[in-house]
N, C-alpha and C. Protein backbone atom coordinates (compact mmCIF):
# COMPACT_ATOMS: atom_id res chain seq x y z
N MET A 1 -87.84 30.25 -42.76
CA MET A 1 -87.86 28.91 -43.29
C MET A 1 -87.31 28.94 -44.71
N THR A 2 -86.41 28.03 -45.01
CA THR A 2 -85.75 28.00 -46.31
C THR A 2 -85.80 26.60 -46.88
N ALA A 3 -86.11 26.52 -48.18
CA ALA A 3 -86.12 25.23 -48.87
C ALA A 3 -84.72 24.92 -49.38
N LEU A 4 -84.29 23.70 -49.13
CA LEU A 4 -83.09 23.16 -49.76
C LEU A 4 -83.61 22.24 -50.86
N ARG A 5 -83.63 22.74 -52.07
CA ARG A 5 -84.17 21.99 -53.22
C ARG A 5 -83.10 21.03 -53.71
N CYS A 6 -83.23 19.78 -53.34
CA CYS A 6 -82.20 18.78 -53.60
C CYS A 6 -82.54 17.92 -54.81
N THR A 7 -81.51 17.59 -55.59
CA THR A 7 -81.70 16.69 -56.72
C THR A 7 -82.04 15.29 -56.19
N GLN A 8 -82.57 14.46 -57.08
CA GLN A 8 -82.94 13.10 -56.67
C GLN A 8 -81.75 12.32 -56.13
N LYS A 9 -80.59 12.47 -56.77
CA LYS A 9 -79.44 11.70 -56.28
C LYS A 9 -78.99 12.16 -54.89
N LEU A 10 -79.17 13.44 -54.57
CA LEU A 10 -78.83 13.90 -53.23
C LEU A 10 -79.87 13.44 -52.21
N VAL A 11 -81.14 13.52 -52.56
CA VAL A 11 -82.21 13.05 -51.66
C VAL A 11 -81.99 11.56 -51.35
N LYS A 12 -81.66 10.79 -52.38
CA LYS A 12 -81.43 9.35 -52.20
C LYS A 12 -80.23 9.10 -51.28
N ALA A 13 -79.15 9.85 -51.49
CA ALA A 13 -77.96 9.69 -50.65
C ALA A 13 -78.24 10.10 -49.20
N MET A 14 -79.08 11.12 -49.02
CA MET A 14 -79.42 11.59 -47.67
C MET A 14 -80.40 10.66 -46.97
N LYS A 15 -81.07 9.80 -47.77
CA LYS A 15 -82.08 8.87 -47.25
C LYS A 15 -83.19 9.62 -46.52
N VAL A 16 -83.71 10.65 -47.19
CA VAL A 16 -84.82 11.43 -46.63
C VAL A 16 -85.96 11.46 -47.64
N THR A 17 -87.13 11.73 -47.13
CA THR A 17 -88.29 11.95 -47.99
C THR A 17 -88.48 13.46 -48.09
N PRO A 18 -88.47 13.98 -49.32
CA PRO A 18 -88.62 15.43 -49.45
C PRO A 18 -89.96 15.91 -48.93
N SER A 19 -89.93 17.07 -48.31
CA SER A 19 -91.15 17.71 -47.81
C SER A 19 -91.74 18.59 -48.91
N ALA A 20 -92.95 19.05 -48.67
CA ALA A 20 -93.55 20.04 -49.57
C ALA A 20 -92.77 21.34 -49.42
N PRO A 21 -92.60 22.10 -50.50
CA PRO A 21 -91.88 23.37 -50.38
C PRO A 21 -92.58 24.30 -49.39
N PRO A 22 -91.80 24.95 -48.53
CA PRO A 22 -92.38 25.86 -47.54
C PRO A 22 -92.73 27.20 -48.17
N ALA A 23 -93.50 27.98 -47.45
CA ALA A 23 -93.76 29.36 -47.86
C ALA A 23 -92.44 30.12 -47.78
N PRO A 24 -92.29 31.17 -48.56
CA PRO A 24 -91.04 31.94 -48.50
C PRO A 24 -90.73 32.40 -47.08
N GLY A 25 -89.46 32.31 -46.73
CA GLY A 25 -89.04 32.67 -45.38
C GLY A 25 -88.58 34.11 -45.31
N SER A 26 -87.94 34.43 -44.20
CA SER A 26 -87.50 35.81 -43.97
C SER A 26 -86.04 36.04 -44.36
N ASN A 27 -85.37 34.98 -44.83
CA ASN A 27 -83.99 35.20 -45.27
C ASN A 27 -83.98 35.94 -46.60
N ARG A 28 -82.90 36.63 -46.87
CA ARG A 28 -82.86 37.50 -48.04
C ARG A 28 -82.26 36.86 -49.28
N LEU A 29 -81.56 35.74 -49.14
CA LEU A 29 -80.97 35.09 -50.32
C LEU A 29 -81.92 34.10 -50.97
N GLY A 30 -83.05 33.82 -50.34
CA GLY A 30 -84.03 32.91 -50.92
C GLY A 30 -83.69 31.45 -50.66
N ASP A 31 -84.36 30.58 -51.40
CA ASP A 31 -84.13 29.14 -51.27
C ASP A 31 -82.82 28.78 -51.97
N TRP A 32 -82.39 27.55 -51.76
CA TRP A 32 -81.14 27.06 -52.34
C TRP A 32 -81.40 25.77 -53.11
N SER A 33 -80.72 25.59 -54.22
CA SER A 33 -80.75 24.33 -54.98
C SER A 33 -79.43 23.62 -54.74
N LEU A 34 -79.52 22.29 -54.49
CA LEU A 34 -78.33 21.51 -54.15
C LEU A 34 -78.23 20.26 -55.01
N ASN A 35 -76.99 19.86 -55.29
CA ASN A 35 -76.72 18.65 -56.05
C ASN A 35 -75.51 17.95 -55.45
N LEU A 36 -75.46 16.64 -55.63
CA LEU A 36 -74.37 15.82 -55.14
C LEU A 36 -73.34 15.62 -56.24
N LEU A 37 -72.07 15.84 -55.90
CA LEU A 37 -70.97 15.58 -56.82
C LEU A 37 -70.24 14.33 -56.37
N HIS A 38 -70.00 13.43 -57.30
CA HIS A 38 -69.31 12.18 -56.97
C HIS A 38 -67.80 12.34 -57.14
N THR A 39 -67.24 13.29 -56.38
CA THR A 39 -65.81 13.50 -56.33
C THR A 39 -65.28 12.73 -55.13
N ARG A 40 -63.99 12.84 -54.89
CA ARG A 40 -63.42 12.25 -53.68
C ARG A 40 -62.76 13.34 -52.87
N PRO A 41 -63.27 13.73 -51.72
CA PRO A 41 -64.52 13.23 -51.13
C PRO A 41 -65.73 13.79 -51.88
N LYS A 42 -66.88 13.14 -51.63
CA LYS A 42 -68.11 13.62 -52.25
C LYS A 42 -68.41 15.03 -51.75
N LEU A 43 -68.87 15.87 -52.68
CA LEU A 43 -69.20 17.24 -52.35
C LEU A 43 -70.65 17.52 -52.69
N VAL A 44 -71.21 18.52 -52.04
CA VAL A 44 -72.52 19.05 -52.39
C VAL A 44 -72.27 20.45 -52.93
N VAL A 45 -72.85 20.74 -54.08
CA VAL A 45 -72.77 22.07 -54.66
C VAL A 45 -74.13 22.73 -54.52
N ALA A 46 -74.15 24.02 -54.20
CA ALA A 46 -75.41 24.73 -53.96
C ALA A 46 -75.38 26.09 -54.64
N VAL A 47 -76.57 26.58 -54.98
CA VAL A 47 -76.71 27.91 -55.57
C VAL A 47 -77.94 28.58 -54.96
N SER A 48 -77.78 29.86 -54.61
CA SER A 48 -78.89 30.61 -54.01
C SER A 48 -79.84 31.10 -55.09
N GLU A 49 -81.10 31.15 -54.72
CA GLU A 49 -82.17 31.49 -55.66
C GLU A 49 -82.05 32.91 -56.22
N HIS A 50 -81.89 33.89 -55.37
CA HIS A 50 -81.97 35.28 -55.82
C HIS A 50 -80.69 35.81 -56.46
N ASP A 51 -79.54 35.45 -55.93
CA ASP A 51 -78.30 36.08 -56.37
C ASP A 51 -77.30 35.12 -57.00
N ARG A 52 -77.65 33.86 -57.08
CA ARG A 52 -76.82 32.83 -57.71
C ARG A 52 -75.47 32.64 -57.04
N LEU A 53 -75.42 32.92 -55.74
CA LEU A 53 -74.20 32.65 -54.99
C LEU A 53 -74.01 31.14 -54.91
N GLY A 54 -72.83 30.67 -55.27
CA GLY A 54 -72.53 29.25 -55.22
C GLY A 54 -71.62 28.91 -54.07
N LEU A 55 -71.72 27.67 -53.61
CA LEU A 55 -70.79 27.17 -52.61
C LEU A 55 -70.80 25.65 -52.65
N VAL A 56 -69.72 25.08 -52.14
CA VAL A 56 -69.62 23.63 -52.00
C VAL A 56 -69.26 23.31 -50.56
N LEU A 57 -69.64 22.11 -50.15
CA LEU A 57 -69.24 21.58 -48.85
C LEU A 57 -69.17 20.07 -48.95
N GLU A 58 -68.44 19.46 -48.04
CA GLU A 58 -68.35 18.01 -48.06
C GLU A 58 -69.72 17.42 -47.76
N ALA A 59 -70.05 16.35 -48.48
CA ALA A 59 -71.38 15.76 -48.36
C ALA A 59 -71.55 14.96 -47.07
N ALA A 60 -70.52 14.26 -46.66
CA ALA A 60 -70.65 13.38 -45.50
C ALA A 60 -70.33 14.14 -44.21
N PRO A 61 -71.00 13.79 -43.14
CA PRO A 61 -72.11 12.84 -43.03
C PRO A 61 -73.44 13.47 -43.48
N PHE A 62 -74.19 12.70 -44.23
CA PHE A 62 -75.43 13.22 -44.81
C PHE A 62 -76.46 13.62 -43.75
N ALA A 63 -76.45 12.96 -42.60
CA ALA A 63 -77.43 13.25 -41.55
C ALA A 63 -77.32 14.68 -41.03
N THR A 64 -76.13 15.26 -41.10
CA THR A 64 -75.93 16.61 -40.57
C THR A 64 -75.81 17.66 -41.69
N LEU A 65 -76.11 17.26 -42.91
CA LEU A 65 -75.94 18.19 -44.03
C LEU A 65 -76.69 19.50 -43.86
N PRO A 66 -77.98 19.50 -43.48
CA PRO A 66 -78.67 20.79 -43.34
C PRO A 66 -78.00 21.74 -42.33
N GLN A 67 -77.57 21.22 -41.19
CA GLN A 67 -76.92 22.07 -40.19
C GLN A 67 -75.57 22.57 -40.71
N ARG A 68 -74.81 21.69 -41.33
CA ARG A 68 -73.51 22.09 -41.87
C ARG A 68 -73.67 23.05 -43.04
N PHE A 69 -74.77 22.91 -43.78
CA PHE A 69 -75.03 23.81 -44.89
C PHE A 69 -75.23 25.23 -44.39
N ALA A 70 -76.02 25.40 -43.34
CA ALA A 70 -76.25 26.74 -42.79
C ALA A 70 -74.93 27.37 -42.35
N GLU A 71 -74.05 26.59 -41.75
CA GLU A 71 -72.75 27.12 -41.34
C GLU A 71 -71.88 27.43 -42.55
N ALA A 72 -71.97 26.62 -43.61
CA ALA A 72 -71.20 26.86 -44.83
C ALA A 72 -71.65 28.18 -45.48
N VAL A 73 -72.94 28.46 -45.45
CA VAL A 73 -73.44 29.73 -45.98
C VAL A 73 -72.86 30.88 -45.15
N PHE A 74 -72.88 30.74 -43.84
CA PHE A 74 -72.33 31.76 -42.94
C PHE A 74 -70.86 32.03 -43.27
N VAL A 75 -70.07 30.97 -43.41
CA VAL A 75 -68.64 31.11 -43.72
C VAL A 75 -68.45 31.76 -45.09
N GLN A 76 -69.26 31.36 -46.07
CA GLN A 76 -69.14 31.95 -47.41
C GLN A 76 -69.49 33.44 -47.38
N LEU A 77 -70.50 33.80 -46.62
CA LEU A 77 -70.87 35.21 -46.52
C LEU A 77 -69.74 36.03 -45.90
N LEU A 78 -69.14 35.50 -44.85
CA LEU A 78 -68.00 36.20 -44.24
C LEU A 78 -66.85 36.32 -45.23
N ALA A 79 -66.61 35.26 -46.00
CA ALA A 79 -65.49 35.24 -46.95
C ALA A 79 -65.65 36.28 -48.06
N ILE A 80 -66.88 36.59 -48.43
CA ILE A 80 -67.07 37.57 -49.51
C ILE A 80 -67.21 39.00 -48.99
N GLY A 81 -67.11 39.17 -47.67
CA GLY A 81 -67.11 40.52 -47.11
C GLY A 81 -68.37 40.97 -46.41
N VAL A 82 -69.31 40.06 -46.18
CA VAL A 82 -70.51 40.42 -45.43
C VAL A 82 -70.10 40.55 -43.96
N PRO A 83 -70.47 41.64 -43.30
CA PRO A 83 -70.14 41.80 -41.88
C PRO A 83 -70.74 40.66 -41.04
N PRO A 84 -70.05 40.25 -39.98
CA PRO A 84 -70.51 39.13 -39.16
C PRO A 84 -71.96 39.25 -38.70
N GLU A 85 -72.38 40.42 -38.29
CA GLU A 85 -73.75 40.62 -37.80
C GLU A 85 -74.77 40.29 -38.90
N GLU A 86 -74.51 40.75 -40.12
CA GLU A 86 -75.43 40.49 -41.24
C GLU A 86 -75.38 39.03 -41.66
N ALA A 87 -74.19 38.43 -41.64
CA ALA A 87 -74.04 37.01 -42.00
C ALA A 87 -74.78 36.13 -41.00
N ARG A 88 -74.66 36.45 -39.72
CA ARG A 88 -75.39 35.70 -38.67
C ARG A 88 -76.89 35.85 -38.85
N HIS A 89 -77.33 37.05 -39.17
CA HIS A 89 -78.77 37.29 -39.37
C HIS A 89 -79.29 36.43 -40.52
N GLU A 90 -78.57 36.38 -41.62
CA GLU A 90 -79.01 35.57 -42.77
C GLU A 90 -79.02 34.09 -42.41
N ARG A 91 -77.98 33.61 -41.74
CA ARG A 91 -77.92 32.20 -41.33
C ARG A 91 -79.10 31.86 -40.42
N ASP A 92 -79.38 32.70 -39.46
CA ASP A 92 -80.47 32.43 -38.53
C ASP A 92 -81.84 32.53 -39.20
N ALA A 93 -81.98 33.46 -40.15
CA ALA A 93 -83.26 33.63 -40.85
C ALA A 93 -83.56 32.46 -41.77
N MET A 94 -82.55 31.68 -42.12
CA MET A 94 -82.76 30.51 -42.98
C MET A 94 -83.49 29.39 -42.24
N GLN A 95 -83.45 29.41 -40.93
CA GLN A 95 -83.99 28.30 -40.11
C GLN A 95 -85.51 28.34 -40.03
N PRO A 96 -86.14 27.21 -39.99
CA PRO A 96 -85.58 25.88 -40.22
C PRO A 96 -85.38 25.62 -41.71
N LEU A 97 -84.43 24.75 -42.00
CA LEU A 97 -84.17 24.33 -43.37
C LEU A 97 -85.04 23.12 -43.67
N VAL A 98 -85.71 23.15 -44.82
CA VAL A 98 -86.63 22.08 -45.20
C VAL A 98 -86.12 21.45 -46.49
N VAL A 99 -85.86 20.15 -46.46
CA VAL A 99 -85.40 19.44 -47.65
C VAL A 99 -86.59 19.17 -48.56
N THR A 100 -86.52 19.72 -49.77
CA THR A 100 -87.56 19.51 -50.78
C THR A 100 -86.90 18.98 -52.04
N ALA A 101 -87.72 18.62 -53.01
CA ALA A 101 -87.21 18.12 -54.29
C ALA A 101 -87.10 19.27 -55.29
N THR A 102 -86.31 19.05 -56.32
CA THR A 102 -86.18 20.06 -57.39
C THR A 102 -87.31 19.85 -58.38
N THR A 103 -88.49 20.26 -57.99
CA THR A 103 -89.66 20.16 -58.86
C THR A 103 -89.95 21.54 -59.43
N GLY A 104 -91.03 21.66 -60.17
CA GLY A 104 -91.35 22.93 -60.81
C GLY A 104 -91.48 24.09 -59.84
N TYR A 105 -90.73 25.15 -60.06
CA TYR A 105 -90.81 26.38 -59.30
C TYR A 105 -90.23 27.49 -60.17
N ALA A 106 -90.47 28.70 -59.81
CA ALA A 106 -89.97 29.84 -60.59
C ALA A 106 -88.45 29.77 -60.69
N ASN A 107 -87.92 30.09 -61.85
CA ASN A 107 -86.47 30.12 -62.11
C ASN A 107 -85.80 28.76 -62.08
N ARG A 108 -86.57 27.68 -62.09
CA ARG A 108 -85.99 26.34 -61.95
C ARG A 108 -84.93 26.06 -63.01
N LEU A 109 -85.24 26.32 -64.26
CA LEU A 109 -84.29 26.00 -65.32
C LEU A 109 -83.04 26.85 -65.23
N SER A 110 -83.19 28.11 -64.92
CA SER A 110 -82.04 29.00 -64.77
C SER A 110 -81.16 28.55 -63.60
N LEU A 111 -81.79 28.22 -62.48
CA LEU A 111 -81.04 27.77 -61.32
C LEU A 111 -80.32 26.45 -61.60
N GLN A 112 -80.98 25.54 -62.30
CA GLN A 112 -80.35 24.26 -62.62
C GLN A 112 -79.16 24.46 -63.56
N ALA A 113 -79.26 25.42 -64.46
CA ALA A 113 -78.12 25.72 -65.34
C ALA A 113 -76.94 26.24 -64.52
N ASN A 114 -77.21 27.14 -63.56
CA ASN A 114 -76.15 27.63 -62.69
C ASN A 114 -75.58 26.50 -61.84
N LEU A 115 -76.44 25.65 -61.35
CA LEU A 115 -76.00 24.52 -60.53
C LEU A 115 -75.09 23.60 -61.34
N LYS A 116 -75.45 23.36 -62.57
CA LYS A 116 -74.64 22.51 -63.45
C LYS A 116 -73.28 23.15 -63.72
N ASP A 117 -73.26 24.45 -63.99
CA ASP A 117 -72.00 25.16 -64.23
C ASP A 117 -71.11 25.13 -62.98
N TYR A 118 -71.70 25.39 -61.82
CA TYR A 118 -70.93 25.38 -60.58
C TYR A 118 -70.41 23.97 -60.27
N ALA A 119 -71.22 22.96 -60.56
CA ALA A 119 -70.79 21.59 -60.34
C ALA A 119 -69.57 21.27 -61.20
N TRP A 120 -69.62 21.68 -62.46
CA TRP A 120 -68.49 21.44 -63.36
C TRP A 120 -67.24 22.14 -62.83
N LEU A 121 -67.39 23.41 -62.46
CA LEU A 121 -66.25 24.18 -61.97
C LEU A 121 -65.69 23.58 -60.69
N ALA A 122 -66.55 23.20 -59.77
CA ALA A 122 -66.10 22.60 -58.51
C ALA A 122 -65.40 21.27 -58.76
N ASP A 123 -65.95 20.47 -59.67
CA ASP A 123 -65.35 19.17 -59.99
C ASP A 123 -63.95 19.36 -60.57
N VAL A 124 -63.80 20.28 -61.51
CA VAL A 124 -62.50 20.54 -62.12
C VAL A 124 -61.50 21.00 -61.07
N ARG A 125 -61.92 21.92 -60.22
CA ARG A 125 -61.00 22.47 -59.23
C ARG A 125 -60.66 21.48 -58.13
N GLN A 126 -61.62 20.64 -57.75
CA GLN A 126 -61.37 19.68 -56.68
C GLN A 126 -60.62 18.46 -57.21
N THR A 127 -61.08 17.90 -58.31
CA THR A 127 -60.47 16.69 -58.85
C THR A 127 -59.17 17.01 -59.57
N GLY A 128 -59.20 17.99 -60.46
CA GLY A 128 -58.03 18.30 -61.27
C GLY A 128 -56.94 19.04 -60.54
N ARG A 129 -57.30 19.90 -59.62
CA ARG A 129 -56.31 20.75 -58.95
C ARG A 129 -56.18 20.47 -57.46
N ASN A 130 -57.06 19.62 -56.95
CA ASN A 130 -57.05 19.27 -55.53
C ASN A 130 -57.12 20.50 -54.63
N GLU A 131 -57.95 21.47 -55.02
CA GLU A 131 -58.11 22.69 -54.24
C GLU A 131 -58.99 22.44 -53.02
N PRO A 132 -58.71 23.12 -51.93
CA PRO A 132 -59.58 23.00 -50.75
C PRO A 132 -60.94 23.66 -51.02
N VAL A 133 -61.93 23.28 -50.23
CA VAL A 133 -63.29 23.78 -50.39
C VAL A 133 -63.33 25.31 -50.33
N ALA A 134 -62.58 25.92 -49.43
CA ALA A 134 -62.59 27.39 -49.31
C ALA A 134 -62.13 28.06 -50.60
N ALA A 135 -61.14 27.50 -51.27
CA ALA A 135 -60.65 28.07 -52.53
C ALA A 135 -61.69 27.90 -53.63
N ILE A 136 -62.35 26.76 -53.64
CA ILE A 136 -63.41 26.53 -54.63
C ILE A 136 -64.54 27.53 -54.40
N ASN A 137 -64.93 27.73 -53.16
CA ASN A 137 -66.01 28.67 -52.84
C ASN A 137 -65.65 30.10 -53.22
N ALA A 138 -64.40 30.47 -53.04
CA ALA A 138 -63.96 31.81 -53.44
C ALA A 138 -64.10 31.97 -54.95
N ARG A 139 -63.76 30.95 -55.70
CA ARG A 139 -63.88 31.00 -57.16
C ARG A 139 -65.34 31.08 -57.58
N LEU A 140 -66.22 30.32 -56.91
CA LEU A 140 -67.64 30.34 -57.27
C LEU A 140 -68.25 31.72 -57.01
N ALA A 141 -67.83 32.38 -55.95
CA ALA A 141 -68.36 33.72 -55.64
C ALA A 141 -67.93 34.75 -56.67
N ASP A 142 -66.80 34.48 -57.34
CA ASP A 142 -66.28 35.40 -58.35
C ASP A 142 -66.61 34.97 -59.77
N ASN A 143 -67.43 33.94 -59.92
CA ASN A 143 -67.78 33.45 -61.25
C ASN A 143 -68.89 34.32 -61.84
N ILE A 144 -68.69 34.81 -63.05
CA ILE A 144 -69.70 35.65 -63.69
C ILE A 144 -70.85 34.77 -64.16
N VAL A 145 -72.07 35.14 -63.77
CA VAL A 145 -73.28 34.42 -64.19
C VAL A 145 -74.35 35.41 -64.61
N SER A 146 -75.39 34.88 -65.22
CA SER A 146 -76.53 35.71 -65.60
C SER A 146 -77.47 35.80 -64.41
N ILE A 147 -77.68 37.02 -63.92
CA ILE A 147 -78.58 37.26 -62.80
C ILE A 147 -79.64 38.23 -63.29
N ASN A 148 -80.86 37.74 -63.35
CA ASN A 148 -81.96 38.56 -63.85
C ASN A 148 -81.66 39.12 -65.25
N GLY A 149 -81.06 38.29 -66.11
CA GLY A 149 -80.79 38.67 -67.48
C GLY A 149 -79.55 39.53 -67.68
N LYS A 150 -78.77 39.75 -66.63
CA LYS A 150 -77.58 40.59 -66.71
C LYS A 150 -76.38 39.79 -66.23
N MET A 151 -75.28 39.87 -66.95
CA MET A 151 -74.06 39.17 -66.55
C MET A 151 -73.42 39.94 -65.39
N ASP A 152 -73.17 39.22 -64.28
CA ASP A 152 -72.65 39.90 -63.10
C ASP A 152 -72.00 38.89 -62.15
N PHE A 153 -71.39 39.42 -61.08
CA PHE A 153 -70.77 38.60 -60.06
C PHE A 153 -71.76 38.35 -58.93
N PRO A 154 -71.99 37.09 -58.55
CA PRO A 154 -72.94 36.81 -57.46
C PRO A 154 -72.59 37.51 -56.16
N LYS A 155 -71.30 37.58 -55.82
CA LYS A 155 -70.96 38.18 -54.52
C LYS A 155 -71.35 39.66 -54.47
N GLU A 156 -71.29 40.35 -55.59
CA GLU A 156 -71.69 41.76 -55.61
C GLU A 156 -73.19 41.90 -55.33
N HIS A 157 -73.98 41.00 -55.91
CA HIS A 157 -75.43 41.03 -55.68
C HIS A 157 -75.74 40.71 -54.22
N VAL A 158 -75.05 39.73 -53.67
CA VAL A 158 -75.27 39.36 -52.27
C VAL A 158 -74.92 40.52 -51.35
N LEU A 159 -73.77 41.13 -51.58
CA LEU A 159 -73.37 42.27 -50.75
C LEU A 159 -74.39 43.40 -50.84
N ASN A 160 -74.84 43.70 -52.05
CA ASN A 160 -75.86 44.75 -52.21
C ASN A 160 -77.15 44.39 -51.49
N ARG A 161 -77.58 43.15 -51.62
CA ARG A 161 -78.84 42.73 -50.99
C ARG A 161 -78.74 42.75 -49.47
N LEU A 162 -77.65 42.21 -48.92
CA LEU A 162 -77.55 42.10 -47.47
C LEU A 162 -77.16 43.41 -46.79
N LEU A 163 -76.51 44.29 -47.52
CA LEU A 163 -76.10 45.55 -46.91
C LEU A 163 -77.06 46.69 -47.22
N ALA A 164 -78.02 46.48 -48.11
CA ALA A 164 -78.98 47.53 -48.47
C ALA A 164 -79.75 48.01 -47.24
N LYS A 165 -80.13 47.07 -46.38
CA LYS A 165 -80.87 47.42 -45.16
C LYS A 165 -80.02 48.33 -44.28
N ARG A 166 -78.74 48.01 -44.16
CA ARG A 166 -77.83 48.77 -43.33
C ARG A 166 -77.60 50.17 -43.90
N LEU A 167 -77.44 50.26 -45.23
CA LEU A 167 -77.16 51.54 -45.87
C LEU A 167 -78.41 52.39 -46.08
N GLY A 168 -79.57 51.71 -46.18
CA GLY A 168 -80.80 52.44 -46.49
C GLY A 168 -81.48 52.92 -45.32
């Protein structure tokens, strides 16, 4: 079970009532924080709790966002070099996805800062350069961020986390 911690503007656009945050699930990337970008087309930007992996996907249709989000994570994992078997395992372990609000939780301020940075980067690349979502996602995976107080690449952390089981 994975929480999709959505901002108020995304919850309002989705026309859903946020649920209580679930207990931690069995997926290895943790919960995700999501925000709505008012670009054309509208995009949702997301960041993973543990490794700060970012991704964007088209917001519409809002009714299918959770299902499309899980597939977007799967595609992003494949794009950064996670083997298909491990990417499928992470996607499946995320289920069910529970829409919650961005209320007080551990690392909230740090995650919101990453979300804001990724939103700015996605907006610039989509609006200013008209880049496709896949190109934006590739850039977000290679964006240096602070992870546990250390400047690093999110994709490297994700690869280490998801492949540690295989190598260990």
